[in-house]
Amino acid sequence: MYQNPTSRHIYGRVLTLILALTFLAGCEQPEPPVTVGSRPVKSVVAGNSSGLDQRTFPAVVDAIRKADISFRVSGKLDSIMVKEGDRVKKGQLLATLDDTDFKIALDDRKASFETAKANYERAKELVERGAISRVDHDNIRAKFFTAQAALKEAEQNLEYTRLLASFDGVIAKRYVENFEEILKSKTIFSLEDVSSLKLIIDVPENLMIMVNQHPEREKRKVVAEFDRIPGTRFDLRFLEVATKADPSSKTFKVTLTMPRAEGYNILPGMTATVIAHMFPH
């Protein structure tokens, strides 16, 4: 059969294209399987948690009791009987004011009281006889009670010229010099009871949560260490725990106590390290 050259050329090109497509189809590779990416998860290693039970806190030492001592009246400081560091007993005389003006005032109040008392005694007799009215009697009686109160105040003011220790302790600080003019309520001494001591620590809120879950505070082992007393630990006891956090630090104040350490001069203001087990043992 006769075919022209053009038809033979077109047929050849078509046959070549079919063969090429067949070859490529035989060589096609299968698609790789799709791998699903894994998500990260938190892992916890199980083990002994005793190391997590113990916590250390910086602490500040304070007196178990302290007070600022001041006069309840104004006047000139006449004498100072103690100095800083002195141990004093409750009721011991610490300082006095010049009492001259207070004695004069007391004498005046005594005279006024005696006069008012005599007038009142006469008024009681006169009102019974009808010599004076009940209104006059009541006015004289009121003056008597006013004079009586004024006398008691003068007696107290004279007593207030003597400054006494309110409890056993140590004179931690003196704030005045002798012969100064003193206004009432001005601090004269700081008195501290150091028969036992307080140690104050700040506990963060995450640990306070654990403490509240285990309220048996007395069963926890808590001790204090001092850098200047190496190798020695002092047992502590819980005194009080704040239930409101400090607004800036978000920590809770915990106060512990320790007896006065014999042989060591541990004083308020010193620092220590408190070591505490967060859970009872």
C-alpha atoms as a PDB file:
ATOM      1  CA  MET A   1       0.000   0.000   0.000  1.00  0.00           C
ATOM      2  CA  TYR A   2       1.412   3.289  -0.937  1.00  0.00           C
ATOM      3  CA  GLN A   3       1.858   6.009   1.785  1.00  0.00           C
ATOM      4  CA  ASN A   4       3.211   9.394   1.112  1.00  0.00           C
ATOM      5  CA  PRO A   5       6.301  10.599   2.983  1.00  0.00           C
ATOM      6  CA  THR A   6       4.306  13.066   5.079  1.00  0.00           C
ATOM      7  CA  SER A   7       1.951  10.395   6.471  1.00  0.00           C
ATOM      8  CA  ARG A   8       4.871   8.107   7.328  1.00  0.00           C
ATOM      9  CA  HIS A   9       6.549  10.956   9.279  1.00  0.00           C
ATOM     10  CA  ILE A  10       3.446  11.729  11.360  1.00  0.00           C
ATOM     11  CA  TYR A  11       2.861   8.032  12.157  1.00  0.00           C
ATOM     12  CA  GLY A  12       6.461   7.638  13.366  1.00  0.00           C
ATOM     13  CA  ARG A  13       6.204  10.533  15.756  1.00  0.00           C
ATOM     14  CA  VAL A  14       2.970   9.220  17.284  1.00  0.00           C
ATOM     15  CA  LEU A  15       4.470   5.732  17.764  1.00  0.00           C
ATOM     16  CA  THR A  16       7.554   7.176  19.500  1.00  0.00           C
ATOM     17  CA  LEU A  17       5.383   9.220  21.937  1.00  0.00           C
ATOM     18  CA  ILE A  18       3.292   6.143  22.893  1.00  0.00           C
ATOM     19  CA  LEU A  19       6.402   4.070  23.621  1.00  0.00           C
ATOM     20  CA  ALA A  20       7.888   6.825  25.807  1.00  0.00           C
ATOM     21  CA  LEU A  21       4.752   7.148  27.902  1.00  0.00           C
ATOM     22  CA  THR A  22       4.592   3.373  28.414  1.00  0.00           C
ATOM     23  CA  PHE A  23       8.194   3.298  29.655  1.00  0.00           C
ATOM     24  CA  LEU A  24       7.638   6.118  32.151  1.00  0.00           C
ATOM     25  CA  ALA A  25       4.543   4.436  33.576  1.00  0.00           C
ATOM     26  CA  GLY A  26       6.542   1.268  34.256  1.00  0.00           C
ATOM     27  CA  CYS A  27       9.253   3.155  36.072  1.00  0.00           C
ATOM     28  CA  GLU A  28       6.952   5.219  38.424  1.00  0.00           C
ATOM     29  CA  GLN A  29       7.876   4.764  42.141  1.00  0.00           C
ATOM     30  CA  PRO A  30       5.215   4.353  44.881  1.00  0.00           C
ATOM     31  CA  GLU A  31       4.576   7.395  47.097  1.00  0.00           C
ATOM     32  CA  PRO A  32       6.314   7.240  50.489  1.00  0.00           C
ATOM     33  CA  PRO A  33       4.043   6.736  53.509  1.00  0.00           C
ATOM     34  CA  VAL A  34       2.976   9.895  55.382  1.00  0.00           C
ATOM     35  CA  THR A  35       4.512  10.195  58.845  1.00  0.00           C
ATOM     36  CA  VAL A  36       2.407  12.019  61.482  1.00  0.00           C
ATOM     37  CA  GLY A  37       4.559  14.410  63.517  1.00  0.00           C
ATOM     38  CA  SER A  38       4.729  13.637  67.256  1.00  0.00           C
ATOM     39  CA  ARG A  39       3.769  16.270  69.904  1.00  0.00           C
ATOM     40  CA  PRO A  40       6.119  17.054  72.834  1.00  0.00           C
ATOM     41  CA  VAL A  41       4.883  15.969  76.286  1.00  0.00           C
ATOM     42  CA  LYS A  42       6.142  16.634  79.816  1.00  0.00           C
ATOM     43  CA  SER A  43       7.971  13.763  81.413  1.00  0.00           C
ATOM     44  CA  VAL A  44       8.397  13.105  85.137  1.00  0.00           C
ATOM     45  CA  VAL A  45      11.231  11.021  86.463  1.00  0.00           C
ATOM     46  CA  ALA A  46      10.108   8.962  89.424  1.00  0.00           C
ATOM     47  CA  GLY A  47      12.522   8.784  92.345  1.00  0.00           C
ATOM     48  CA  ASN A  48      13.257   9.752  95.927  1.00  0.00           C
ATOM     49  CA  SER A  49      11.843  13.192  96.694  1.00  0.00           C
ATOM     50  CA  SER A  50      13.552  13.656 100.058  1.00  0.00           C
ATOM     51  CA  GLY A  51      15.859  16.276  98.597  1.00  0.00           C
ATOM     52  CA  LEU A  52      12.841  18.338  97.546  1.00  0.00           C
ATOM     53  CA  ASP A  53      11.437  18.172 101.079  1.00  0.00           C
ATOM     54  CA  GLN A  54      14.147  20.369 102.622  1.00  0.00           C
ATOM     55  CA  ARG A  55      14.180  24.115 102.066  1.00  0.00           C
ATOM     56  CA  THR A  56      16.476  26.876 103.290  1.00  0.00           C
ATOM     57  CA  PHE A  57      15.462  30.464 104.000  1.00  0.00           C
ATOM     58  CA  PRO A  58      17.406  33.557 105.032  1.00  0.00           C
ATOM     59  CA  ALA A  59      16.213  34.763 108.427  1.00  0.00           C
ATOM     60  CA  VAL A  60      16.487  37.843 110.618  1.00  0.00           C
ATOM     61  CA  VAL A  61      16.754  37.537 114.392  1.00  0.00           C
ATOM     62  CA  ASP A  62      14.440  39.609 116.584  1.00  0.00           C
ATOM     63  CA  ALA A  63      13.631  39.852 120.296  1.00  0.00           C
ATOM     64  CA  ILE A  64      10.696  37.818 121.546  1.00  0.00           C
ATOM     65  CA  ARG A  65       9.261  41.037 122.985  1.00  0.00           C
ATOM     66  CA  LYS A  66      10.229  44.678 122.581  1.00  0.00           C
ATOM     67  CA  ALA A  67       8.873  48.117 123.393  1.00  0.00           C
ATOM     68  CA  ASP A  68       9.740  51.775 123.035  1.00  0.00           C
ATOM     69  CA  ILE A  69       9.712  53.305 126.522  1.00  0.00           C
ATOM     70  CA  SER A  70       8.580  56.912 126.939  1.00  0.00           C
ATOM     71  CA  PHE A  71       7.331  59.358 129.584  1.00  0.00           C
ATOM     72  CA  ARG A  72       3.608  60.055 129.776  1.00  0.00           C
ATOM     73  CA  VAL A  73       4.207  63.723 130.665  1.00  0.00           C
ATOM     74  CA  SER A  74       6.466  66.439 129.294  1.00  0.00           C
ATOM     75  CA  GLY A  75       9.364  67.902 131.265  1.00  0.00           C
ATOM     76  CA  LYS A  76      13.098  68.321 131.661  1.00  0.00           C
ATOM     77  CA  LEU A  77      15.095  65.100 131.871  1.00  0.00           C
ATOM     78  CA  ASP A  78      16.713  65.072 135.297  1.00  0.00           C
ATOM     79  CA  SER A  79      18.573  61.759 135.497  1.00  0.00           C
ATOM     80  CA  ILE A  80      19.303  58.608 133.485  1.00  0.00           C
ATOM     81  CA  MET A  81      19.955  55.498 135.561  1.00  0.00           C
ATOM     82  CA  VAL A  82      20.848  52.961 132.868  1.00  0.00           C
ATOM     83  CA  LYS A  83      22.936  52.716 129.728  1.00  0.00           C
ATOM     84  CA  GLU A  84      22.715  50.736 126.507  1.00  0.00           C
ATOM     85  CA  GLY A  85      23.279  47.026 127.003  1.00  0.00           C
ATOM     86  CA  ASP A  86      22.186  47.022 130.654  1.00  0.00           C
ATOM     87  CA  ARG A  87      19.887  44.224 131.785  1.00  0.00           C
ATOM     88  CA  VAL A  88      16.919  45.538 133.759  1.00  0.00           C
ATOM     89  CA  LYS A  89      14.050  44.049 135.766  1.00  0.00           C
ATOM     90  CA  LYS A  90      10.361  44.824 135.498  1.00  0.00           C
ATOM     91  CA  GLY A  91       9.568  47.936 137.546  1.00  0.00           C
ATOM     92  CA  GLN A  92      13.198  49.100 137.702  1.00  0.00           C
ATOM     93  CA  LEU A  93      13.693  52.881 137.584  1.00  0.00           C
ATOM     94  CA  LEU A  94      15.280  53.916 134.275  1.00  0.00           C
ATOM     95  CA  ALA A  95      15.086  57.735 134.213  1.00  0.00           C
ATOM     96  CA  THR A  96      13.356  60.691 135.897  1.00  0.00           C
ATOM     97  CA  LEU A  97      12.085  64.140 134.968  1.00  0.00           C
ATOM     98  CA  ASP A  98      12.491  67.261 137.083  1.00  0.00           C
ATOM     99  CA  ASP A  99       9.399  66.990 139.306  1.00  0.00           C
ATOM    100  CA  THR A 100       9.407  70.503 140.846  1.00  0.00           C
ATOM    101  CA  ASP A 101       6.481  71.848 138.814  1.00  0.00           C
ATOM    102  CA  PHE A 102       4.540  68.612 139.269  1.00  0.00           C
ATOM    103  CA  LYS A 103       4.836  68.832 143.071  1.00  0.00           C
ATOM    104  CA  ILE A 104       3.609  72.443 143.003  1.00  0.00           C
ATOM    105  CA  ALA A 105       0.641  71.410 140.870  1.00  0.00           C
ATOM    106  CA  LEU A 106      -0.114  68.552 143.250  1.00  0.00           C
ATOM    107  CA  ASP A 107      -0.100  70.865 146.286  1.00  0.00           C
ATOM    108  CA  ASP A 108      -2.490  73.243 144.516  1.00  0.00           C
ATOM    109  CA  ARG A 109      -4.865  70.398 143.618  1.00  0.00           C
ATOM    110  CA  LYS A 110      -4.777  69.116 147.197  1.00  0.00           C
ATOM    111  CA  ALA A 111      -5.826  72.536 148.528  1.00  0.00           C
ATOM    112  CA  SER A 112      -8.648  72.802 146.001  1.00  0.00           C
ATOM    113  CA  PHE A 113      -9.815  69.319 146.878  1.00  0.00           C
ATOM    114  CA  GLU A 114      -9.866  70.009 150.621  1.00  0.00           C
ATOM    115  CA  THR A 115     -11.936  73.135 150.057  1.00  0.00           C
ATOM    116  CA  ALA A 116     -14.366  71.354 147.764  1.00  0.00           C
ATOM    117  CA  LYS A 117     -14.675  68.467 150.206  1.00  0.00           C
ATOM    118  CA  ALA A 118     -15.498  70.794 153.117  1.00  0.00           C
ATOM    119  CA  ASN A 119     -18.101  72.663 151.055  1.00  0.00           C
ATOM    120  CA  TYR A 120     -19.711  69.405 150.037  1.00  0.00           C
ATOM    121  CA  GLU A 121     -19.916  68.162 153.639  1.00  0.00           C
ATOM    122  CA  ARG A 122     -21.659  71.409 154.704  1.00  0.00           C
ATOM    123  CA  ALA A 123     -23.967  71.295 151.695  1.00  0.00           C
ATOM    124  CA  LYS A 124     -25.178  67.806 152.665  1.00  0.00           C
ATOM    125  CA  GLU A 125     -26.216  69.110 156.108  1.00  0.00           C
ATOM    126  CA  LEU A 126     -27.784  72.301 154.758  1.00  0.00           C
ATOM    127  CA  VAL A 127     -29.895  70.567 152.145  1.00  0.00           C
ATOM    128  CA  GLU A 128     -31.268  68.199 154.775  1.00  0.00           C
ATOM    129  CA  ARG A 129     -32.402  71.213 156.878  1.00  0.00           C
ATOM    130  CA  GLY A 130     -33.773  72.952 153.797  1.00  0.00           C
ATOM    131  CA  ALA A 131     -31.277  75.802 154.118  1.00  0.00           C
ATOM    132  CA  ILE A 132     -30.156  75.450 150.498  1.00  0.00           C
ATOM    133  CA  SER A 133     -31.892  74.159 147.405  1.00  0.00           C
ATOM    134  CA  ARG A 134     -31.269  70.771 145.872  1.00  0.00           C
ATOM    135  CA  VAL A 135     -29.826  72.518 142.816  1.00  0.00           C
ATOM    136  CA  ASP A 136     -27.206  74.320 144.915  1.00  0.00           C
ATOM    137  CA  HIS A 137     -26.360  71.069 146.644  1.00  0.00           C
ATOM    138  CA  ASP A 138     -25.859  69.296 143.327  1.00  0.00           C
ATOM    139  CA  ASN A 139     -23.579  72.072 142.024  1.00  0.00           C
ATOM    140  CA  ILE A 140     -21.401  71.882 145.160  1.00  0.00           C
ATOM    141  CA  ARG A 141     -21.236  68.106 144.845  1.00  0.00           C
ATOM    142  CA  ALA A 142     -20.138  68.358 141.187  1.00  0.00           C
ATOM    143  CA  LYS A 143     -17.315  70.723 142.170  1.00  0.00           C
ATOM    144  CA  PHE A 144     -16.202  68.233 144.795  1.00  0.00           C
ATOM    145  CA  PHE A 145     -15.959  65.368 142.289  1.00  0.00           C
ATOM    146  CA  THR A 146     -14.163  67.628 139.788  1.00  0.00           C
ATOM    147  CA  ALA A 147     -11.579  68.572 142.424  1.00  0.00           C
ATOM    148  CA  GLN A 148     -11.191  64.927 143.367  1.00  0.00           C
ATOM    149  CA  ALA A 149     -10.470  63.966 139.735  1.00  0.00           C
ATOM    150  CA  ALA A 150      -7.997  66.841 139.354  1.00  0.00           C
ATOM    151  CA  LEU A 151      -6.152  65.701 142.477  1.00  0.00           C
ATOM    152  CA  LYS A 152      -5.889  62.147 141.166  1.00  0.00           C
ATOM    153  CA  GLU A 153      -4.536  63.450 137.852  1.00  0.00           C
ATOM    154  CA  ALA A 154      -1.870  65.519 139.623  1.00  0.00           C
ATOM    155  CA  GLU A 155      -0.817  62.494 141.666  1.00  0.00           C
ATOM    156  CA  GLN A 156      -0.519  60.400 138.513  1.00  0.00           C
ATOM    157  CA  ASN A 157       1.450  63.099 136.680  1.00  0.00           C
ATOM    158  CA  LEU A 158       3.958  63.236 139.517  1.00  0.00           C
ATOM    159  CA  GLU A 159       4.297  59.455 139.352  1.00  0.00           C
ATOM    160  CA  TYR A 160       4.769  59.664 135.567  1.00  0.00           C
ATOM    161  CA  THR A 161       7.991  61.662 136.077  1.00  0.00           C
ATOM    162  CA  ARG A 162       9.572  58.298 136.927  1.00  0.00           C
ATOM    163  CA  LEU A 163      10.201  56.011 133.947  1.00  0.00           C
ATOM    164  CA  LEU A 164      10.034  52.306 134.837  1.00  0.00           C
ATOM    165  CA  ALA A 165      10.851  49.146 132.889  1.00  0.00           C
ATOM    166  CA  SER A 166       7.672  47.421 131.764  1.00  0.00           C
ATOM    167  CA  PHE A 167       9.281  43.950 131.643  1.00  0.00           C
ATOM    168  CA  ASP A 168      12.596  42.160 132.169  1.00  0.00           C
ATOM    169  CA  GLY A 169      14.930  42.898 129.286  1.00  0.00           C
ATOM    170  CA  VAL A 170      17.936  44.700 127.867  1.00  0.00           C
ATOM    171  CA  ILE A 171      18.284  48.401 127.068  1.00  0.00           C
ATOM    172  CA  ALA A 172      18.871  48.085 123.333  1.00  0.00           C
ATOM    173  CA  LYS A 173      18.991  51.806 122.489  1.00  0.00           C
ATOM    174  CA  ARG A 174      18.934  55.184 124.225  1.00  0.00           C
ATOM    175  CA  TYR A 175      17.563  58.114 122.224  1.00  0.00           C
ATOM    176  CA  VAL A 176      18.091  61.133 124.494  1.00  0.00           C
ATOM    177  CA  GLU A 177      20.742  62.908 126.527  1.00  0.00           C
ATOM    178  CA  ASN A 178      20.379  64.059 130.098  1.00  0.00           C
ATOM    179  CA  PHE A 179      18.811  67.488 130.821  1.00  0.00           C
ATOM    180  CA  GLU A 180      16.927  67.569 127.512  1.00  0.00           C
ATOM    181  CA  GLU A 181      13.420  68.994 127.357  1.00  0.00           C
ATOM    182  CA  ILE A 182      11.252  65.962 126.730  1.00  0.00           C
ATOM    183  CA  LEU A 183       7.796  65.888 125.184  1.00  0.00           C
ATOM    184  CA  LYS A 184       5.449  63.189 126.377  1.00  0.00           C
ATOM    185  CA  SER A 185       5.460  60.022 124.242  1.00  0.00           C
ATOM    186  CA  LYS A 186       8.976  60.778 122.931  1.00  0.00           C
ATOM    187  CA  THR A 187      10.925  57.510 122.894  1.00  0.00           C
ATOM    188  CA  ILE A 188      13.598  57.424 125.600  1.00  0.00           C
ATOM    189  CA  PHE A 189      14.743  53.781 125.426  1.00  0.00           C
ATOM    190  CA  SER A 190      14.149  50.683 123.337  1.00  0.00           C
ATOM    191  CA  LEU A 191      13.670  47.737 125.666  1.00  0.00           C
ATOM    192  CA  GLU A 192      14.027  44.174 124.351  1.00  0.00           C
ATOM    193  CA  ASP A 193      13.307  40.845 125.980  1.00  0.00           C
ATOM    194  CA  VAL A 194      15.953  38.425 124.694  1.00  0.00           C
ATOM    195  CA  SER A 195      15.205  35.560 127.059  1.00  0.00           C
ATOM    196  CA  SER A 196      14.189  33.849 123.823  1.00  0.00           C
ATOM    197  CA  LEU A 197      14.466  34.950 120.207  1.00  0.00           C
ATOM    198  CA  LYS A 198      12.309  35.153 117.114  1.00  0.00           C
ATOM    199  CA  LEU A 199      13.512  34.276 113.611  1.00  0.00           C
ATOM    200  CA  ILE A 200      11.439  35.681 110.777  1.00  0.00           C
ATOM    201  CA  ILE A 201      11.484  34.200 107.274  1.00  0.00           C
ATOM    202  CA  ASP A 202       9.612  34.947 104.033  1.00  0.00           C
ATOM    203  CA  VAL A 203       7.962  31.920 102.436  1.00  0.00           C
ATOM    204  CA  PRO A 204       6.860  32.082  98.749  1.00  0.00           C
ATOM    205  CA  GLU A 205       3.267  31.276  97.929  1.00  0.00           C
ATOM    206  CA  ASN A 206       3.991  27.961  96.197  1.00  0.00           C
ATOM    207  CA  LEU A 207       5.537  26.608  99.402  1.00  0.00           C
ATOM    208  CA  MET A 208       2.789  28.083 101.565  1.00  0.00           C
ATOM    209  CA  ILE A 209       0.325  25.970  99.588  1.00  0.00           C
ATOM    210  CA  MET A 210       2.241  22.848 100.572  1.00  0.00           C
ATOM    211  CA  VAL A 211       2.432  23.982 104.200  1.00  0.00           C
ATOM    212  CA  ASN A 212      -1.325  24.466 104.316  1.00  0.00           C
ATOM    213  CA  GLN A 213      -1.845  20.983 102.921  1.00  0.00           C
ATOM    214  CA  HIS A 214       0.129  19.613 105.878  1.00  0.00           C
ATOM    215  CA  PRO A 215      -0.896  21.704 108.900  1.00  0.00           C
ATOM    216  CA  GLU A 216       1.030  19.620 111.471  1.00  0.00           C
ATOM    217  CA  ARG A 217       3.646  22.350 111.889  1.00  0.00           C
ATOM    218  CA  GLU A 218       4.925  21.108 115.233  1.00  0.00           C
ATOM    219  CA  LYS A 219       6.000  17.818 113.660  1.00  0.00           C
ATOM    220  CA  ARG A 220       8.267  19.468 111.105  1.00  0.00           C
ATOM    221  CA  LYS A 221      11.981  19.601 111.770  1.00  0.00           C
ATOM    222  CA  VAL A 222      13.124  23.241 111.629  1.00  0.00           C
ATOM    223  CA  VAL A 223      16.593  24.411 112.657  1.00  0.00           C
ATOM    224  CA  ALA A 224      18.728  27.523 112.410  1.00  0.00           C
ATOM    225  CA  GLU A 225      22.367  27.897 111.442  1.00  0.00           C
ATOM    226  CA  PHE A 226      24.653  30.905 111.964  1.00  0.00           C
ATOM    227  CA  ASP A 227      27.703  31.555 109.803  1.00  0.00           C
ATOM    228  CA  ARG A 228      29.776  32.471 112.858  1.00  0.00           C
ATOM    229  CA  ILE A 229      28.815  29.281 114.691  1.00  0.00           C
ATOM    230  CA  PRO A 230      29.789  26.556 112.190  1.00  0.00           C
ATOM    231  CA  GLY A 231      28.684  22.992 112.790  1.00  0.00           C
ATOM    232  CA  THR A 232      25.956  23.944 115.281  1.00  0.00           C
ATOM    233  CA  ARG A 233      22.221  23.862 114.675  1.00  0.00           C
ATOM    234  CA  PHE A 234      19.558  25.325 116.933  1.00  0.00           C
ATOM    235  CA  ASP A 235      16.080  23.824 117.122  1.00  0.00           C
ATOM    236  CA  LEU A 236      13.200  26.137 116.249  1.00  0.00           C
ATOM    237  CA  ARG A 237       9.472  26.109 116.912  1.00  0.00           C
ATOM    238  CA  PHE A 238       6.657  27.740 114.955  1.00  0.00           C
ATOM    239  CA  LEU A 239       5.171  30.831 116.609  1.00  0.00           C
ATOM    240  CA  GLU A 240       2.893  32.328 113.981  1.00  0.00           C
ATOM    241  CA  VAL A 241       2.239  32.326 110.244  1.00  0.00           C
ATOM    242  CA  ALA A 242       0.862  35.296 108.326  1.00  0.00           C
ATOM    243  CA  THR A 243      -2.172  34.548 106.180  1.00  0.00           C
ATOM    244  CA  LYS A 244      -1.829  37.628 103.972  1.00  0.00           C
ATOM    245  CA  ALA A 245       0.990  37.976 101.456  1.00  0.00           C
ATOM    246  CA  ASP A 246       3.297  40.953 101.247  1.00  0.00           C
ATOM    247  CA  PRO A 247       1.914  43.010  98.334  1.00  0.00           C
ATOM    248  CA  SER A 248       5.315  43.576  96.714  1.00  0.00           C
ATOM    249  CA  SER A 249       7.176  40.290  97.270  1.00  0.00           C
ATOM    250  CA  LYS A 250       4.104  37.988  97.332  1.00  0.00           C
ATOM    251  CA  THR A 251       5.635  36.112 100.266  1.00  0.00           C
ATOM    252  CA  PHE A 252       4.214  35.177 103.651  1.00  0.00           C
ATOM    253  CA  LYS A 253       6.004  35.946 106.918  1.00  0.00           C
ATOM    254  CA  VAL A 254       6.602  32.961 109.159  1.00  0.00           C
ATOM    255  CA  THR A 255       7.868  33.555 112.694  1.00  0.00           C
ATOM    256  CA  LEU A 256       9.781  30.895 114.618  1.00  0.00           C
ATOM    257  CA  THR A 257      11.256  30.926 118.111  1.00  0.00           C
ATOM    258  CA  MET A 258      14.380  29.553 119.748  1.00  0.00           C
ATOM    259  CA  PRO A 259      15.576  29.636 123.366  1.00  0.00           C
ATOM    260  CA  ARG A 260      18.457  31.944 124.186  1.00  0.00           C
ATOM    261  CA  ALA A 261      21.648  30.098 123.251  1.00  0.00           C
ATOM    262  CA  GLU A 262      23.866  29.772 126.283  1.00  0.00           C
ATOM    263  CA  GLY A 263      27.458  30.683 125.501  1.00  0.00           C
ATOM    264  CA  TYR A 264      26.582  32.613 122.330  1.00  0.00           C
ATOM    265  CA  ASN A 265      25.742  36.295 122.078  1.00  0.00           C
ATOM    266  CA  ILE A 266      22.985  36.055 119.463  1.00  0.00           C
ATOM    267  CA  LEU A 267      21.281  39.457 119.247  1.00  0.00           C
ATOM    268  CA  PRO A 268      18.320  41.021 117.410  1.00  0.00           C
ATOM    269  CA  GLY A 269      19.242  42.183 113.918  1.00  0.00           C
ATOM    270  CA  MET A 270      21.636  39.295 113.240  1.00  0.00           C
ATOM    271  CA  THR A 271      21.056  36.991 110.284  1.00  0.00           C
ATOM    272  CA  ALA A 272      20.722  33.231 110.122  1.00  0.00           C
ATOM    273  CA  THR A 273      19.750  30.424 107.760  1.00  0.00           C
ATOM    274  CA  VAL A 274      16.613  28.465 108.568  1.00  0.00           C
ATOM    275  CA  ILE A 275      16.474  24.879 107.320  1.00  0.00           C
ATOM    276  CA  ALA A 276      12.979  23.435 107.234  1.00  0.00           C
ATOM    277  CA  HIS A 277      11.326  20.213 106.155  1.00  0.00           C
ATOM    278  CA  MET A 278       8.175  21.191 104.320  1.00  0.00           C
ATOM    279  CA  PHE A 279       6.331  18.023 105.305  1.00  0.00           C
ATOM    280  CA  PRO A 280       5.923  16.464 108.755  1.00  0.00           C
ATOM    281  CA  HIS A 281       8.063  13.456 109.619  1.00  0.00           C
END
